[in-house]
Structures are given as structure tokens and as C-alpha cells.
Amino acid sequence: MDKLKILGIDPGTNFMGYAVISIVGETIQCICLGTLKMKKYNTQQEKLKHIFQRIRQLTKHYKPEHMSIEAPFFGKNVQSMLKLGRAQGVAIAAAITADVPVSEYSPKKIKLSVTGNGNASKEQVQAMLSQLVVINNPDDSLDASDALAAAVCHYYQSQSPLSGASNYNNWSDFIKNNPDRIK
């Protein structure tokens, strides 16, 4: 049975959560979970460089088929939004330079997908993930669990019949695999 790997990212310039999940059948297993801590770096450029390098390491080592990243949400502090947007942009650039397609989800969409409640707390998301995912290397940070939630959200969204995802590339494939559906 084929394995599907998804890299989840919770972007930030002081802490960036990351997680890689592997799906075999209907089992979701977390094979990598962690937090990149960047408070020790003095400049934004150093932080962005380390984000880029870590995403490249993760894509090279785990070879995910997709990356899911949490989108910045509207905040009152414009400087924080700018920094977060830069961190997200660098993470996306690192993934696409490794030919890993990227999907972006709002925090509300991620929470809704994982818990059924778009207004769930980070702690509620973390608790639900412990029920949904086999986690071999736990990391108690909320940044890591947010990254894990982003990956799980992408998996659920790509499996939804409403997502438009399909196992067929064209009508010929569909007809070949479903001859009884032709009238």
C-alpha cells in the first residue's frame, strides 16, 4: 500500500512548528514533530535563513508529497503580521524549490477540520490530535501541534468528496474503472 507524506508548518519568526505525517490506509502516523527555536538569532534575515534551511532539510529527508501551512490571520500589530508573512513566504519558497506543492489553510479551517469547532483552543486541538494520530515522538509545544494540525487538516481536506480531489485523471480513467456506471 502506498504511503502519503504531508509536511505541516506553523510559521513564526521566533518559533516555527513542523510535523511530517505518513498515511498508510486510514492510519495517520506522525513521523517527525518539532519546533524550530529562533529567539537566539539577532536579525530577521538570520531567522528567515534558518526557516528556509530547516524546510529544505525536512523536504530532502522525508520527501513529502505535499506541504500544508497555516495562513497568517488578521492581527492588530502590523509589524507582527509583516514578520509572520515573511516567515510564511520563506517556508513556501523552500518547499516549492524542492518541488513540493503547498496548500494554505486559515487557523479557523484547521481547527474546524481537526476538532469540528473552528473556535477551539490550541489545547483542545492538541488533545484531539493525540486521539487521531499515532505520535511516536511527542513534542508538547503548541507550535508543533499546530503544525501537526495543519498536516492533518490537509489530509482530511484532500480526502473530502467536496474537495474535488479524485483518483481519476480524466473521464476515460473513470469509465474504465466504472463500466457499470455507463448508460
N, C-alpha and C. Protein backbone atom coordinates (compact mmCIF):
# COMPACT_ATOMS: atom_id res chain seq x y z
N MET A 1 0.85 -1.18 0.00
CA MET A 1 0.00 0.00 0.00
C MET A 1 0.89 1.24 0.00
N ASP A 2 0.52 2.23 -0.79
CA ASP A 2 1.30 3.46 -0.89
C ASP A 2 1.20 4.29 0.38
N LYS A 3 2.30 4.96 0.69
CA LYS A 3 2.33 5.90 1.81
C LYS A 3 2.19 7.30 1.25
N LEU A 4 1.46 8.12 1.95
CA LEU A 4 1.35 9.53 1.61
C LEU A 4 2.01 10.29 2.75
N LYS A 5 2.90 11.23 2.43
CA LYS A 5 3.55 12.04 3.45
C LYS A 5 3.18 13.50 3.24
N ILE A 6 2.84 14.16 4.34
CA ILE A 6 2.47 15.57 4.31
C ILE A 6 3.29 16.29 5.38
N LEU A 7 3.91 17.38 4.98
CA LEU A 7 4.65 18.25 5.89
C LEU A 7 3.72 19.38 6.32
N GLY A 8 3.55 19.55 7.61
CA GLY A 8 2.75 20.64 8.15
C GLY A 8 3.64 21.68 8.79
N ILE A 9 3.30 22.95 8.57
CA ILE A 9 4.12 24.05 9.11
C ILE A 9 3.22 25.06 9.81
N ASP A 10 3.64 25.46 11.02
CA ASP A 10 3.05 26.59 11.73
C ASP A 10 4.11 27.67 11.73
N PRO A 11 4.01 28.64 10.81
CA PRO A 11 5.10 29.61 10.65
C PRO A 11 5.20 30.60 11.81
N GLY A 12 6.41 31.04 12.02
CA GLY A 12 6.66 32.06 13.03
C GLY A 12 8.12 32.47 12.93
N THR A 13 8.45 33.65 13.47
CA THR A 13 9.85 34.10 13.39
C THR A 13 10.61 33.84 14.68
N ASN A 14 9.91 33.50 15.76
CA ASN A 14 10.60 33.09 16.98
C ASN A 14 10.50 31.59 17.19
N PHE A 15 9.35 31.02 16.85
CA PHE A 15 9.11 29.58 16.94
C PHE A 15 8.36 29.14 15.70
N MET A 16 8.89 28.13 15.03
CA MET A 16 8.20 27.56 13.88
C MET A 16 7.94 26.09 14.17
N GLY A 17 6.67 25.71 14.20
CA GLY A 17 6.32 24.32 14.41
C GLY A 17 6.37 23.57 13.09
N TYR A 18 6.79 22.31 13.14
CA TYR A 18 6.80 21.47 11.94
C TYR A 18 6.42 20.05 12.32
N ALA A 19 5.80 19.36 11.37
CA ALA A 19 5.40 17.97 11.57
C ALA A 19 5.33 17.29 10.22
N VAL A 20 5.69 16.03 10.18
CA VAL A 20 5.53 15.22 8.98
C VAL A 20 4.65 14.05 9.37
N ILE A 21 3.57 13.87 8.62
CA ILE A 21 2.72 12.72 8.85
C ILE A 21 2.82 11.76 7.67
N SER A 22 2.60 10.50 7.99
CA SER A 22 2.59 9.45 6.99
C SER A 22 1.24 8.76 7.10
N ILE A 23 0.58 8.58 5.96
CA ILE A 23 -0.72 7.93 5.96
C ILE A 23 -0.59 6.62 5.21
N VAL A 24 -0.94 5.54 5.89
CA VAL A 24 -0.99 4.22 5.27
C VAL A 24 -2.39 3.69 5.55
N GLY A 25 -3.14 3.45 4.49
CA GLY A 25 -4.54 3.07 4.69
C GLY A 25 -5.26 4.24 5.31
N GLU A 26 -5.84 4.02 6.48
CA GLU A 26 -6.52 5.11 7.19
C GLU A 26 -5.80 5.50 8.47
N THR A 27 -4.57 5.00 8.64
CA THR A 27 -3.80 5.31 9.84
C THR A 27 -2.91 6.53 9.58
N ILE A 28 -3.04 7.52 10.44
CA ILE A 28 -2.21 8.72 10.37
C ILE A 28 -1.13 8.58 11.43
N GLN A 29 0.12 8.59 11.00
CA GLN A 29 1.23 8.47 11.93
C GLN A 29 2.13 9.68 11.81
N CYS A 30 2.49 10.25 12.93
CA CYS A 30 3.42 11.38 12.95
C CYS A 30 4.83 10.80 12.98
N ILE A 31 5.61 11.10 11.94
CA ILE A 31 6.97 10.55 11.87
C ILE A 31 8.04 11.60 12.22
N CYS A 32 7.62 12.84 12.35
CA CYS A 32 8.55 13.91 12.72
C CYS A 32 7.74 15.04 13.32
N LEU A 33 8.17 15.55 14.46
CA LEU A 33 7.43 16.62 15.13
C LEU A 33 8.43 17.46 15.90
N GLY A 34 8.35 18.77 15.76
CA GLY A 34 9.28 19.60 16.49
C GLY A 34 9.01 21.09 16.35
N THR A 35 9.87 21.85 17.01
CA THR A 35 9.78 23.31 17.00
C THR A 35 11.16 23.88 16.72
N LEU A 36 11.26 24.71 15.70
CA LEU A 36 12.49 25.42 15.41
C LEU A 36 12.48 26.69 16.27
N LYS A 37 13.46 26.81 17.17
CA LYS A 37 13.51 27.96 18.09
C LYS A 37 14.53 28.95 17.57
N MET A 38 14.09 30.18 17.33
CA MET A 38 14.96 31.16 16.67
C MET A 38 15.17 32.44 17.47
N LYS A 39 14.80 32.45 18.73
CA LYS A 39 15.00 33.67 19.53
C LYS A 39 16.47 34.03 19.67
N LYS A 40 17.34 33.02 19.52
CA LYS A 40 18.78 33.25 19.69
C LYS A 40 19.40 34.06 18.55
N TYR A 41 18.69 34.14 17.42
CA TYR A 41 19.23 34.87 16.27
C TYR A 41 18.87 36.34 16.40
N ASN A 42 19.83 37.20 16.02
CA ASN A 42 19.67 38.63 16.24
C ASN A 42 18.86 39.34 15.18
N THR A 43 18.91 38.86 13.95
CA THR A 43 18.25 39.60 12.87
C THR A 43 17.16 38.76 12.23
N GLN A 44 16.22 39.44 11.60
CA GLN A 44 15.17 38.76 10.85
C GLN A 44 15.76 37.92 9.72
N GLN A 45 16.80 38.43 9.09
CA GLN A 45 17.42 37.70 7.99
C GLN A 45 17.97 36.35 8.47
N GLU A 46 18.61 36.34 9.64
CA GLU A 46 19.13 35.07 10.19
C GLU A 46 17.99 34.10 10.46
N LYS A 47 16.91 34.60 11.01
CA LYS A 47 15.75 33.75 11.31
C LYS A 47 15.16 33.17 10.03
N LEU A 48 15.00 34.02 9.02
CA LEU A 48 14.44 33.57 7.75
C LEU A 48 15.34 32.53 7.08
N LYS A 49 16.65 32.75 7.19
CA LYS A 49 17.61 31.79 6.63
C LYS A 49 17.44 30.42 7.29
N HIS A 50 17.28 30.40 8.62
CA HIS A 50 17.13 29.13 9.34
C HIS A 50 15.79 28.45 9.02
N ILE A 51 14.75 29.24 8.81
CA ILE A 51 13.46 28.67 8.38
C ILE A 51 13.64 27.97 7.04
N PHE A 52 14.25 28.69 6.10
CA PHE A 52 14.47 28.13 4.76
C PHE A 52 15.27 26.83 4.83
N GLN A 53 16.38 26.87 5.59
CA GLN A 53 17.25 25.69 5.69
C GLN A 53 16.53 24.51 6.34
N ARG A 54 15.73 24.75 7.37
CA ARG A 54 15.05 23.65 8.06
C ARG A 54 13.99 23.03 7.15
N ILE A 55 13.25 23.85 6.43
CA ILE A 55 12.24 23.31 5.50
C ILE A 55 12.94 22.49 4.41
N ARG A 56 14.05 22.98 3.90
CA ARG A 56 14.80 22.21 2.89
C ARG A 56 15.29 20.89 3.46
N GLN A 57 15.78 20.88 4.69
CA GLN A 57 16.22 19.62 5.33
C GLN A 57 15.05 18.64 5.45
N LEU A 58 13.91 19.14 5.90
CA LEU A 58 12.73 18.28 6.07
C LEU A 58 12.25 17.71 4.74
N THR A 59 12.24 18.55 3.70
CA THR A 59 11.77 18.05 2.40
C THR A 59 12.76 17.06 1.80
N LYS A 60 14.04 17.30 2.01
CA LYS A 60 15.05 16.39 1.48
C LYS A 60 15.02 15.04 2.21
N HIS A 61 14.90 15.08 3.53
CA HIS A 61 14.95 13.85 4.32
C HIS A 61 13.65 13.03 4.23
N TYR A 62 12.49 13.68 4.36
CA TYR A 62 11.22 12.95 4.43
C TYR A 62 10.50 12.83 3.08
N LYS A 63 10.87 13.67 2.12
CA LYS A 63 10.27 13.63 0.78
C LYS A 63 8.74 13.65 0.81
N PRO A 64 8.16 14.70 1.42
CA PRO A 64 6.69 14.77 1.46
C PRO A 64 6.12 15.04 0.07
N GLU A 65 4.91 14.53 -0.14
CA GLU A 65 4.21 14.80 -1.41
C GLU A 65 3.53 16.15 -1.39
N HIS A 66 3.35 16.71 -0.20
CA HIS A 66 2.65 17.98 -0.08
C HIS A 66 3.08 18.70 1.20
N MET A 67 2.97 20.03 1.19
CA MET A 67 3.18 20.81 2.41
C MET A 67 1.92 21.61 2.68
N SER A 68 1.50 21.61 3.93
CA SER A 68 0.35 22.38 4.38
C SER A 68 0.84 23.41 5.38
N ILE A 69 0.42 24.64 5.19
CA ILE A 69 0.92 25.71 6.06
C ILE A 69 -0.24 26.55 6.57
N GLU A 70 -0.13 26.97 7.82
CA GLU A 70 -1.16 27.84 8.40
C GLU A 70 -0.98 29.24 7.84
N ALA A 71 -2.08 29.82 7.37
CA ALA A 71 -2.07 31.17 6.81
C ALA A 71 -2.06 32.20 7.94
N PRO A 72 -1.40 33.32 7.70
CA PRO A 72 -1.46 34.38 8.71
C PRO A 72 -2.90 34.87 8.86
N PHE A 73 -3.26 35.20 10.07
CA PHE A 73 -4.60 35.73 10.29
C PHE A 73 -4.48 37.21 10.60
N PHE A 74 -5.57 37.93 10.41
CA PHE A 74 -5.55 39.38 10.61
C PHE A 74 -5.27 39.69 12.07
N GLY A 75 -4.31 40.55 12.28
CA GLY A 75 -3.98 40.98 13.63
C GLY A 75 -3.89 42.50 13.69
N LYS A 76 -3.85 43.03 14.89
CA LYS A 76 -3.79 44.48 15.07
C LYS A 76 -2.38 45.02 14.91
N ASN A 77 -1.37 44.18 15.15
CA ASN A 77 0.01 44.63 15.08
C ASN A 77 0.55 44.38 13.67
N VAL A 78 0.70 45.46 12.91
CA VAL A 78 1.14 45.36 11.52
C VAL A 78 2.55 44.79 11.42
N GLN A 79 3.45 45.17 12.32
CA GLN A 79 4.82 44.65 12.29
C GLN A 79 4.85 43.14 12.49
N SER A 80 4.04 42.64 13.41
CA SER A 80 3.96 41.19 13.63
C SER A 80 3.43 40.48 12.39
N MET A 81 2.43 41.05 11.76
CA MET A 81 1.87 40.46 10.54
C MET A 81 2.91 40.42 9.42
N LEU A 82 3.69 41.48 9.30
CA LEU A 82 4.74 41.52 8.28
C LEU A 82 5.78 40.42 8.52
N LYS A 83 6.22 40.29 9.77
CA LYS A 83 7.21 39.27 10.10
C LYS A 83 6.66 37.87 9.86
N LEU A 84 5.42 37.64 10.25
CA LEU A 84 4.80 36.34 10.06
C LEU A 84 4.64 36.03 8.57
N GLY A 85 4.26 37.03 7.80
CA GLY A 85 4.13 36.86 6.35
C GLY A 85 5.46 36.52 5.70
N ARG A 86 6.52 37.14 6.17
CA ARG A 86 7.85 36.81 5.64
C ARG A 86 8.23 35.37 5.97
N ALA A 87 7.98 34.96 7.20
CA ALA A 87 8.29 33.59 7.61
C ALA A 87 7.51 32.59 6.77
N GLN A 88 6.24 32.89 6.54
CA GLN A 88 5.42 32.00 5.73
C GLN A 88 5.94 31.97 4.28
N GLY A 89 6.28 33.12 3.74
CA GLY A 89 6.79 33.20 2.38
C GLY A 89 8.08 32.41 2.19
N VAL A 90 8.99 32.51 3.14
CA VAL A 90 10.25 31.78 3.06
C VAL A 90 10.00 30.28 3.15
N ALA A 91 9.08 29.87 4.04
CA ALA A 91 8.75 28.44 4.16
C ALA A 91 8.16 27.92 2.85
N ILE A 92 7.27 28.69 2.25
CA ILE A 92 6.66 28.29 0.97
C ILE A 92 7.74 28.21 -0.11
N ALA A 93 8.62 29.21 -0.15
CA ALA A 93 9.69 29.21 -1.16
C ALA A 93 10.59 27.98 -1.00
N ALA A 94 10.91 27.62 0.22
CA ALA A 94 11.75 26.44 0.45
C ALA A 94 11.07 25.18 -0.06
N ALA A 95 9.76 25.07 0.17
CA ALA A 95 9.03 23.89 -0.30
C ALA A 95 8.94 23.85 -1.82
N ILE A 96 8.61 24.96 -2.43
CA ILE A 96 8.42 24.93 -3.89
C ILE A 96 9.75 24.78 -4.63
N THR A 97 10.86 25.21 -4.02
CA THR A 97 12.15 24.96 -4.67
C THR A 97 12.53 23.48 -4.59
N ALA A 98 11.87 22.75 -3.70
CA ALA A 98 12.06 21.30 -3.61
C ALA A 98 10.95 20.56 -4.37
N ASP A 99 10.19 21.30 -5.17
CA ASP A 99 9.08 20.74 -5.96
C ASP A 99 8.00 20.09 -5.10
N VAL A 100 7.78 20.64 -3.92
CA VAL A 100 6.70 20.17 -3.04
C VAL A 100 5.55 21.16 -3.14
N PRO A 101 4.38 20.73 -3.64
CA PRO A 101 3.25 21.65 -3.72
C PRO A 101 2.78 22.07 -2.33
N VAL A 102 2.23 23.27 -2.24
CA VAL A 102 1.86 23.86 -0.96
C VAL A 102 0.38 24.24 -0.95
N SER A 103 -0.28 23.94 0.17
CA SER A 103 -1.65 24.40 0.41
C SER A 103 -1.65 25.22 1.69
N GLU A 104 -2.50 26.22 1.70
CA GLU A 104 -2.56 27.15 2.82
C GLU A 104 -3.96 27.09 3.42
N TYR A 105 -4.04 27.02 4.74
CA TYR A 105 -5.32 26.94 5.44
C TYR A 105 -5.36 27.97 6.56
N SER A 106 -6.52 28.57 6.75
CA SER A 106 -6.68 29.53 7.84
C SER A 106 -6.67 28.78 9.18
N PRO A 107 -6.30 29.46 10.26
CA PRO A 107 -6.33 28.81 11.57
C PRO A 107 -7.72 28.24 11.90
N LYS A 108 -8.75 28.96 11.53
CA LYS A 108 -10.13 28.52 11.80
C LYS A 108 -10.45 27.23 11.03
N LYS A 109 -10.01 27.15 9.77
CA LYS A 109 -10.24 25.96 8.95
C LYS A 109 -9.52 24.75 9.54
N ILE A 110 -8.29 24.95 10.00
CA ILE A 110 -7.51 23.87 10.59
C ILE A 110 -8.20 23.36 11.85
N LYS A 111 -8.61 24.27 12.72
CA LYS A 111 -9.29 23.88 13.96
C LYS A 111 -10.59 23.15 13.67
N LEU A 112 -11.34 23.66 12.72
CA LEU A 112 -12.61 23.04 12.34
C LEU A 112 -12.39 21.62 11.80
N SER A 113 -11.37 21.47 10.98
CA SER A 113 -11.07 20.18 10.37
C SER A 113 -10.65 19.14 11.41
N VAL A 114 -9.90 19.56 12.41
CA VAL A 114 -9.37 18.62 13.41
C VAL A 114 -10.35 18.37 14.55
N THR A 115 -11.04 19.42 15.01
CA THR A 115 -11.90 19.27 16.20
C THR A 115 -13.39 19.36 15.90
N GLY A 116 -13.74 19.88 14.74
CA GLY A 116 -15.16 20.11 14.45
C GLY A 116 -15.62 21.46 14.96
N ASN A 117 -14.70 22.24 15.55
CA ASN A 117 -15.02 23.55 16.09
C ASN A 117 -13.94 24.54 15.66
N GLY A 118 -14.32 25.49 14.80
CA GLY A 118 -13.36 26.47 14.30
C GLY A 118 -12.85 27.43 15.35
N ASN A 119 -13.49 27.44 16.52
CA ASN A 119 -13.06 28.33 17.61
C ASN A 119 -12.39 27.56 18.74
N ALA A 120 -11.99 26.32 18.49
CA ALA A 120 -11.34 25.51 19.52
C ALA A 120 -10.04 26.16 19.96
N SER A 121 -9.68 25.91 21.20
CA SER A 121 -8.40 26.43 21.72
C SER A 121 -7.26 25.57 21.19
N LYS A 122 -6.05 26.09 21.28
CA LYS A 122 -4.87 25.33 20.87
C LYS A 122 -4.75 24.04 21.69
N GLU A 123 -5.10 24.12 22.96
CA GLU A 123 -5.03 22.95 23.83
C GLU A 123 -6.06 21.89 23.41
N GLN A 124 -7.24 22.33 22.98
CA GLN A 124 -8.26 21.39 22.51
C GLN A 124 -7.80 20.69 21.22
N VAL A 125 -7.15 21.46 20.34
CA VAL A 125 -6.62 20.89 19.10
C VAL A 125 -5.56 19.84 19.44
N GLN A 126 -4.67 20.19 20.35
CA GLN A 126 -3.61 19.28 20.76
C GLN A 126 -4.18 17.99 21.35
N ALA A 127 -5.21 18.12 22.19
CA ALA A 127 -5.83 16.94 22.80
C ALA A 127 -6.49 16.06 21.74
N MET A 128 -7.16 16.65 20.78
CA MET A 128 -7.82 15.87 19.73
C MET A 128 -6.79 15.16 18.86
N LEU A 129 -5.68 15.83 18.56
CA LEU A 129 -4.63 15.20 17.75
C LEU A 129 -4.09 13.94 18.41
N SER A 130 -4.00 13.94 19.74
CA SER A 130 -3.50 12.75 20.44
C SER A 130 -4.44 11.57 20.26
N GLN A 131 -5.70 11.84 19.91
CA GLN A 131 -6.68 10.77 19.66
C GLN A 131 -6.67 10.32 18.19
N LEU A 132 -6.29 11.22 17.29
CA LEU A 132 -6.38 10.96 15.85
C LEU A 132 -5.10 10.41 15.23
N VAL A 133 -3.97 10.75 15.83
CA VAL A 133 -2.68 10.48 15.20
C VAL A 133 -1.81 9.62 16.11
N VAL A 134 -1.13 8.65 15.53
CA VAL A 134 -0.13 7.87 16.26
C VAL A 134 1.13 8.74 16.32
N ILE A 135 1.50 9.16 17.52
CA ILE A 135 2.64 10.07 17.69
C ILE A 135 3.75 9.33 18.42
N ASN A 136 4.84 9.06 17.72
CA ASN A 136 5.95 8.32 18.30
C ASN A 136 6.93 9.22 19.05
N ASN A 137 7.01 10.46 18.65
CA ASN A 137 7.99 11.37 19.25
C ASN A 137 7.27 12.65 19.70
N PRO A 138 6.56 12.60 20.83
CA PRO A 138 5.75 13.75 21.23
C PRO A 138 6.59 15.01 21.49
N ASP A 139 6.00 16.13 21.16
CA ASP A 139 6.57 17.46 21.44
C ASP A 139 5.40 18.25 22.01
N ASP A 140 5.51 18.68 23.25
CA ASP A 140 4.39 19.32 23.91
C ASP A 140 4.14 20.76 23.48
N SER A 141 4.99 21.30 22.60
CA SER A 141 4.81 22.70 22.23
C SER A 141 3.55 22.87 21.38
N LEU A 142 2.87 23.97 21.59
CA LEU A 142 1.66 24.26 20.81
C LEU A 142 2.01 24.58 19.36
N ASP A 143 3.23 25.07 19.12
CA ASP A 143 3.65 25.34 17.74
C ASP A 143 3.77 24.02 16.96
N ALA A 144 4.33 23.01 17.60
CA ALA A 144 4.46 21.70 16.95
C ALA A 144 3.08 21.09 16.71
N SER A 145 2.19 21.17 17.70
CA SER A 145 0.86 20.59 17.50
C SER A 145 0.06 21.37 16.47
N ASP A 146 0.27 22.68 16.35
CA ASP A 146 -0.39 23.45 15.29
C ASP A 146 0.10 23.01 13.91
N ALA A 147 1.38 22.69 13.80
CA ALA A 147 1.92 22.19 12.53
C ALA A 147 1.33 20.83 12.21
N LEU A 148 1.23 19.97 13.22
CA LEU A 148 0.63 18.66 13.04
C LEU A 148 -0.83 18.81 12.60
N ALA A 149 -1.53 19.75 13.21
CA ALA A 149 -2.93 20.01 12.84
C ALA A 149 -3.04 20.47 11.39
N ALA A 150 -2.09 21.29 10.93
CA ALA A 150 -2.11 21.76 9.54
C ALA A 150 -1.96 20.58 8.58
N ALA A 151 -1.07 19.64 8.92
CA ALA A 151 -0.86 18.46 8.06
C ALA A 151 -2.12 17.58 8.05
N VAL A 152 -2.69 17.34 9.23
CA VAL A 152 -3.90 16.51 9.33
C VAL A 152 -5.05 17.18 8.59
N CYS A 153 -5.17 18.49 8.73
CA CYS A 153 -6.21 19.24 8.02
C CYS A 153 -6.09 19.02 6.51
N HIS A 154 -4.88 19.11 5.99
CA HIS A 154 -4.70 18.92 4.55
C HIS A 154 -5.11 17.51 4.15
N TYR A 155 -4.75 16.53 4.93
CA TYR A 155 -5.13 15.15 4.62
C TYR A 155 -6.66 15.04 4.58
N TYR A 156 -7.33 15.55 5.60
CA TYR A 156 -8.80 15.47 5.63
C TYR A 156 -9.42 16.23 4.46
N GLN A 157 -8.89 17.40 4.16
CA GLN A 157 -9.45 18.20 3.07
C GLN A 157 -9.25 17.51 1.72
N SER A 158 -8.11 16.86 1.53
CA SER A 158 -7.85 16.21 0.25
C SER A 158 -8.67 14.94 0.09
N GLN A 159 -9.15 14.37 1.21
CA GLN A 159 -9.97 13.16 1.15
C GLN A 159 -11.45 13.47 1.04
N SER A 160 -11.83 14.70 1.26
CA SER A 160 -13.24 15.08 1.23
C SER A 160 -13.80 15.04 -0.18
N PRO A 161 -15.00 14.48 -0.37
CA PRO A 161 -15.59 14.48 -1.71
C PRO A 161 -15.88 15.91 -2.19
N LEU A 162 -15.93 16.84 -1.27
CA LEU A 162 -16.20 18.23 -1.64
C LEU A 162 -14.94 18.95 -2.10
N SER A 163 -13.77 18.32 -1.90
CA SER A 163 -12.51 18.99 -2.24
C SER A 163 -12.23 19.00 -3.72
N GLY A 164 -12.90 18.11 -4.46
CA GLY A 164 -12.62 18.00 -5.89
C GLY A 164 -11.47 17.05 -6.16
N ALA A 165 -10.86 16.50 -5.11
CA ALA A 165 -9.78 15.53 -5.30
C ALA A 165 -10.38 14.25 -5.85
N SER A 166 -9.65 13.59 -6.71
CA SER A 166 -10.16 12.39 -7.33
C SER A 166 -9.03 11.42 -7.63
N ASN A 167 -9.37 10.16 -7.72
CA ASN A 167 -8.40 9.15 -8.10
C ASN A 167 -8.30 9.02 -9.61
N TYR A 168 -9.05 9.83 -10.34
CA TYR A 168 -9.10 9.75 -11.79
C TYR A 168 -8.50 11.00 -12.40
N ASN A 169 -7.72 10.81 -13.47
CA ASN A 169 -7.11 11.94 -14.15
C ASN A 169 -8.02 12.52 -15.22
N ASN A 170 -8.92 11.68 -15.74
CA ASN A 170 -9.81 12.13 -16.80
C ASN A 170 -11.02 11.20 -16.87
N TRP A 171 -11.95 11.52 -17.77
CA TRP A 171 -13.17 10.72 -17.91
C TRP A 171 -12.86 9.31 -18.38
N SER A 172 -11.87 9.13 -19.21
CA SER A 172 -11.52 7.79 -19.70
C SER A 172 -11.13 6.87 -18.54
N ASP A 173 -10.34 7.38 -17.60
CA ASP A 173 -9.96 6.60 -16.43
C ASP A 173 -11.19 6.23 -15.60
N PHE A 174 -12.07 7.20 -15.42
CA PHE A 174 -13.28 6.94 -14.64
C PHE A 174 -14.13 5.85 -15.29
N ILE A 175 -14.34 5.95 -16.61
CA ILE A 175 -15.16 4.98 -17.34
C ILE A 175 -14.52 3.59 -17.29
N LYS A 176 -13.21 3.54 -17.48
CA LYS A 176 -12.50 2.26 -17.46
C LYS A 176 -12.67 1.57 -16.10
N ASN A 177 -12.66 2.33 -15.01
CA ASN A 177 -12.78 1.76 -13.67
C ASN A 177 -14.23 1.61 -13.19
N ASN A 178 -15.18 2.15 -13.94
CA ASN A 178 -16.59 2.10 -13.55
C ASN A 178 -17.48 1.77 -14.74
N PRO A 179 -17.29 0.63 -15.43
CA PRO A 179 -18.07 0.33 -16.63
C PRO A 179 -19.57 0.20 -16.34
N ASP A 180 -19.90 -0.18 -15.11
CA ASP A 180 -21.31 -0.34 -14.75
C ASP A 180 -22.05 1.00 -14.62
N ARG A 181 -21.32 2.09 -14.62
CA ARG A 181 -21.96 3.41 -14.48
C ARG A 181 -22.34 4.03 -15.80
N ILE A 182 -22.02 3.36 -16.91
CA ILE A 182 -22.33 3.89 -18.25
C ILE A 182 -23.71 3.43 -18.64
N LYS A 183 -24.52 4.35 -19.14
CA LYS A 183 -25.89 4.02 -19.57
C LYS A 183 -26.04 4.27 -21.05
